[in-house]
Each structure stands twice: as C-alpha cells, then as structure tokens.
C-alpha cells in the first residue's frame, strides 16, 4: 500500500510540517503537494468534490481511500504510533 500526505506547498509552515511527518514515518507515507497534477488527478478520479485541505490518500491494488480532518489525524497517529505522533505534533 502507498500512502500520500497531501499539503499546501504554498504554505511554509505546512511544507515544514509535512516534511517532518514524512521523515518520522520512515517510509510509511510520502508527502506530496496538493498542487501536484498527478495527485489532483487521483483526487478527482476518487472523489469529485474535494477540498483544498491536508489529505491522506491510501492507494492499494483494489481501492483508493481518502482521509481528511480527524480521520486523517487518527490514521496517521495509528500508522506512526504514539511516540512519533507526539514528537511531530508537539511543535505545532
């Protein structure tokens, strides 16, 4: 399964946080810009009405799942574990 954390690359705080999360994930997810054409195509094909907000996309052989808001944060926390999640969110 591939996981992508989509973020607003026009925001320096968002870019820094996404990079930190990607680094802490040790390959569990990849940070990508919401401005990336391939990611926008993936979003459009999966969910026609999506918002410009931090988004976690999980891509498997059979399906694509999109998470935002609390569900996204929960999914990342479960994937990274309590300690790494705390380390990431502490500066925020």
C-alpha atoms as a PDB file:
ATOM      1  CA  UNK A   1       0.000   0.000   0.000  1.00  0.00           C
ATOM      2  CA  UNK A   2       1.149   3.504  -0.784  1.00  0.00           C
ATOM      3  CA  UNK A   3       0.224   6.488   1.385  1.00  0.00           C
ATOM      4  CA  UNK A   4       0.453  10.130   0.398  1.00  0.00           C
ATOM      5  CA  UNK A   5       0.105  13.093   2.705  1.00  0.00           C
ATOM      6  CA  UNK A   6      -1.112  15.988   0.580  1.00  0.00           C
ATOM      7  CA  UNK A   7      -0.443  19.509   1.808  1.00  0.00           C
ATOM      8  CA  UNK A   8      -0.416  23.108   0.587  1.00  0.00           C
ATOM      9  CA  UNK A   9       3.113  23.624  -0.686  1.00  0.00           C
ATOM     10  CA  UNK A  10       2.458  27.370  -0.879  1.00  0.00           C
ATOM     11  CA  UNK A  11       2.449  27.477   2.931  1.00  0.00           C
ATOM     12  CA  UNK A  12       5.905  27.286   4.533  1.00  0.00           C
ATOM     13  CA  UNK A  13       4.500  26.002   7.850  1.00  0.00           C
ATOM     14  CA  UNK A  14       2.569  23.257   6.020  1.00  0.00           C
ATOM     15  CA  UNK A  15       5.621  22.309   3.976  1.00  0.00           C
ATOM     16  CA  UNK A  16       7.805  22.065   7.069  1.00  0.00           C
ATOM     17  CA  UNK A  17       5.257  20.001   8.973  1.00  0.00           C
ATOM     18  CA  UNK A  18       4.658  17.649   6.031  1.00  0.00           C
ATOM     19  CA  UNK A  19       8.413  17.114   5.651  1.00  0.00           C
ATOM     20  CA  UNK A  20       8.740  16.351   9.359  1.00  0.00           C
ATOM     21  CA  UNK A  21       5.868  13.852   9.207  1.00  0.00           C
ATOM     22  CA  UNK A  22       7.358  12.159   6.145  1.00  0.00           C
ATOM     23  CA  UNK A  23      10.744  11.933   7.859  1.00  0.00           C
ATOM     24  CA  UNK A  24       9.261  10.481  11.050  1.00  0.00           C
ATOM     25  CA  UNK A  25       7.182   7.974   9.091  1.00  0.00           C
ATOM     26  CA  UNK A  26      10.300   6.082   7.941  1.00  0.00           C
ATOM     27  CA  UNK A  27       8.742   5.308   4.560  1.00  0.00           C
ATOM     28  CA  UNK A  28       5.200   4.733   5.828  1.00  0.00           C
ATOM     29  CA  UNK A  29       3.992   7.730   3.810  1.00  0.00           C
ATOM     30  CA  UNK A  30       5.204  10.230   1.250  1.00  0.00           C
ATOM     31  CA  UNK A  31       4.458  13.962   1.468  1.00  0.00           C
ATOM     32  CA  UNK A  32       3.170  15.475  -1.793  1.00  0.00           C
ATOM     33  CA  UNK A  33       1.842  18.863  -2.739  1.00  0.00           C
ATOM     34  CA  UNK A  34      -1.854  19.406  -3.363  1.00  0.00           C
ATOM     35  CA  UNK A  35      -0.596  21.308  -6.409  1.00  0.00           C
ATOM     36  CA  UNK A  36       0.885  18.124  -7.915  1.00  0.00           C
ATOM     37  CA  UNK A  37      -1.039  17.285 -11.099  1.00  0.00           C
ATOM     38  CA  UNK A  38      -0.893  13.522 -10.529  1.00  0.00           C
ATOM     39  CA  UNK A  39      -2.314  13.912  -7.022  1.00  0.00           C
ATOM     40  CA  UNK A  40      -5.108  16.160  -8.282  1.00  0.00           C
ATOM     41  CA  UNK A  41      -5.998  13.585 -10.943  1.00  0.00           C
ATOM     42  CA  UNK A  42      -6.067  10.864  -8.274  1.00  0.00           C
ATOM     43  CA  UNK A  43      -8.320  13.015  -6.091  1.00  0.00           C
ATOM     44  CA  UNK A  44     -10.632  13.878  -8.992  1.00  0.00           C
ATOM     45  CA  UNK A  45     -10.944  10.217 -10.010  1.00  0.00           C
ATOM     46  CA  UNK A  46     -11.705   9.122  -6.454  1.00  0.00           C
ATOM     47  CA  UNK A  47     -13.740  11.997  -5.051  1.00  0.00           C
ATOM     48  CA  UNK A  48     -15.118  14.557  -7.488  1.00  0.00           C
ATOM     49  CA  UNK A  49     -15.715  17.230  -4.826  1.00  0.00           C
ATOM     50  CA  UNK A  50     -12.597  17.538  -2.696  1.00  0.00           C
ATOM     51  CA  UNK A  51     -11.438  20.495  -0.639  1.00  0.00           C
ATOM     52  CA  UNK A  52      -8.055  22.193  -0.570  1.00  0.00           C
ATOM     53  CA  UNK A  53      -7.025  20.817   2.834  1.00  0.00           C
ATOM     54  CA  UNK A  54      -4.446  18.422   4.235  1.00  0.00           C
ATOM     55  CA  UNK A  55      -5.372  14.968   2.963  1.00  0.00           C
ATOM     56  CA  UNK A  56      -4.125  11.423   3.431  1.00  0.00           C
ATOM     57  CA  UNK A  57      -4.573   9.128   0.433  1.00  0.00           C
ATOM     58  CA  UNK A  58      -4.082   5.372   0.748  1.00  0.00           C
ATOM     59  CA  UNK A  59      -3.676   3.521  -2.539  1.00  0.00           C
ATOM     60  CA  UNK A  60      -3.842  -0.275  -2.700  1.00  0.00           C
ATOM     61  CA  UNK A  61      -4.230  -2.657  -5.620  1.00  0.00           C
ATOM     62  CA  UNK A  62      -8.013  -2.660  -5.279  1.00  0.00           C
ATOM     63  CA  UNK A  63      -9.020   0.740  -3.910  1.00  0.00           C
ATOM     64  CA  UNK A  64      -8.148   4.321  -3.041  1.00  0.00           C
ATOM     65  CA  UNK A  65      -9.180   5.797   0.326  1.00  0.00           C
ATOM     66  CA  UNK A  66      -9.161   9.495   1.185  1.00  0.00           C
ATOM     67  CA  UNK A  67      -8.955  10.830   4.743  1.00  0.00           C
ATOM     68  CA  UNK A  68      -9.187  14.427   5.957  1.00  0.00           C
ATOM     69  CA  UNK A  69      -9.655  16.153   9.286  1.00  0.00           C
ATOM     70  CA  UNK A  70      -9.919  13.990  12.390  1.00  0.00           C
ATOM     71  CA  UNK A  71      -9.917  10.745  10.386  1.00  0.00           C
ATOM     72  CA  UNK A  72      -6.658  11.737   8.710  1.00  0.00           C
ATOM     73  CA  UNK A  73      -5.029  12.639  12.027  1.00  0.00           C
ATOM     74  CA  UNK A  74      -6.232   9.375  13.596  1.00  0.00           C
ATOM     75  CA  UNK A  75      -4.956   7.328  10.674  1.00  0.00           C
ATOM     76  CA  UNK A  76      -1.525   8.976  10.844  1.00  0.00           C
ATOM     77  CA  UNK A  77      -1.375   8.539  14.622  1.00  0.00           C
ATOM     78  CA  UNK A  78      -2.195   4.833  14.280  1.00  0.00           C
ATOM     79  CA  UNK A  79       0.336   4.400  11.494  1.00  0.00           C
ATOM     80  CA  UNK A  80       3.171   6.230  13.207  1.00  0.00           C
ATOM     81  CA  UNK A  81       2.438   5.240  16.775  1.00  0.00           C
ATOM     82  CA  UNK A  82       2.001   7.384  19.871  1.00  0.00           C
ATOM     83  CA  UNK A  83       5.634   8.443  20.405  1.00  0.00           C
ATOM     84  CA  UNK A  84       6.362   9.517  16.853  1.00  0.00           C
ATOM     85  CA  UNK A  85       2.968  11.225  16.565  1.00  0.00           C
ATOM     86  CA  UNK A  86       3.621  13.175  19.766  1.00  0.00           C
ATOM     87  CA  UNK A  87       7.078  14.155  18.530  1.00  0.00           C
ATOM     88  CA  UNK A  88       5.549  15.568  15.353  1.00  0.00           C
ATOM     89  CA  UNK A  89       2.607  17.391  16.918  1.00  0.00           C
ATOM     90  CA  UNK A  90       4.480  18.870  19.878  1.00  0.00           C
ATOM     91  CA  UNK A  91       5.934  21.820  17.916  1.00  0.00           C
ATOM     92  CA  UNK A  92       2.565  22.544  16.305  1.00  0.00           C
END
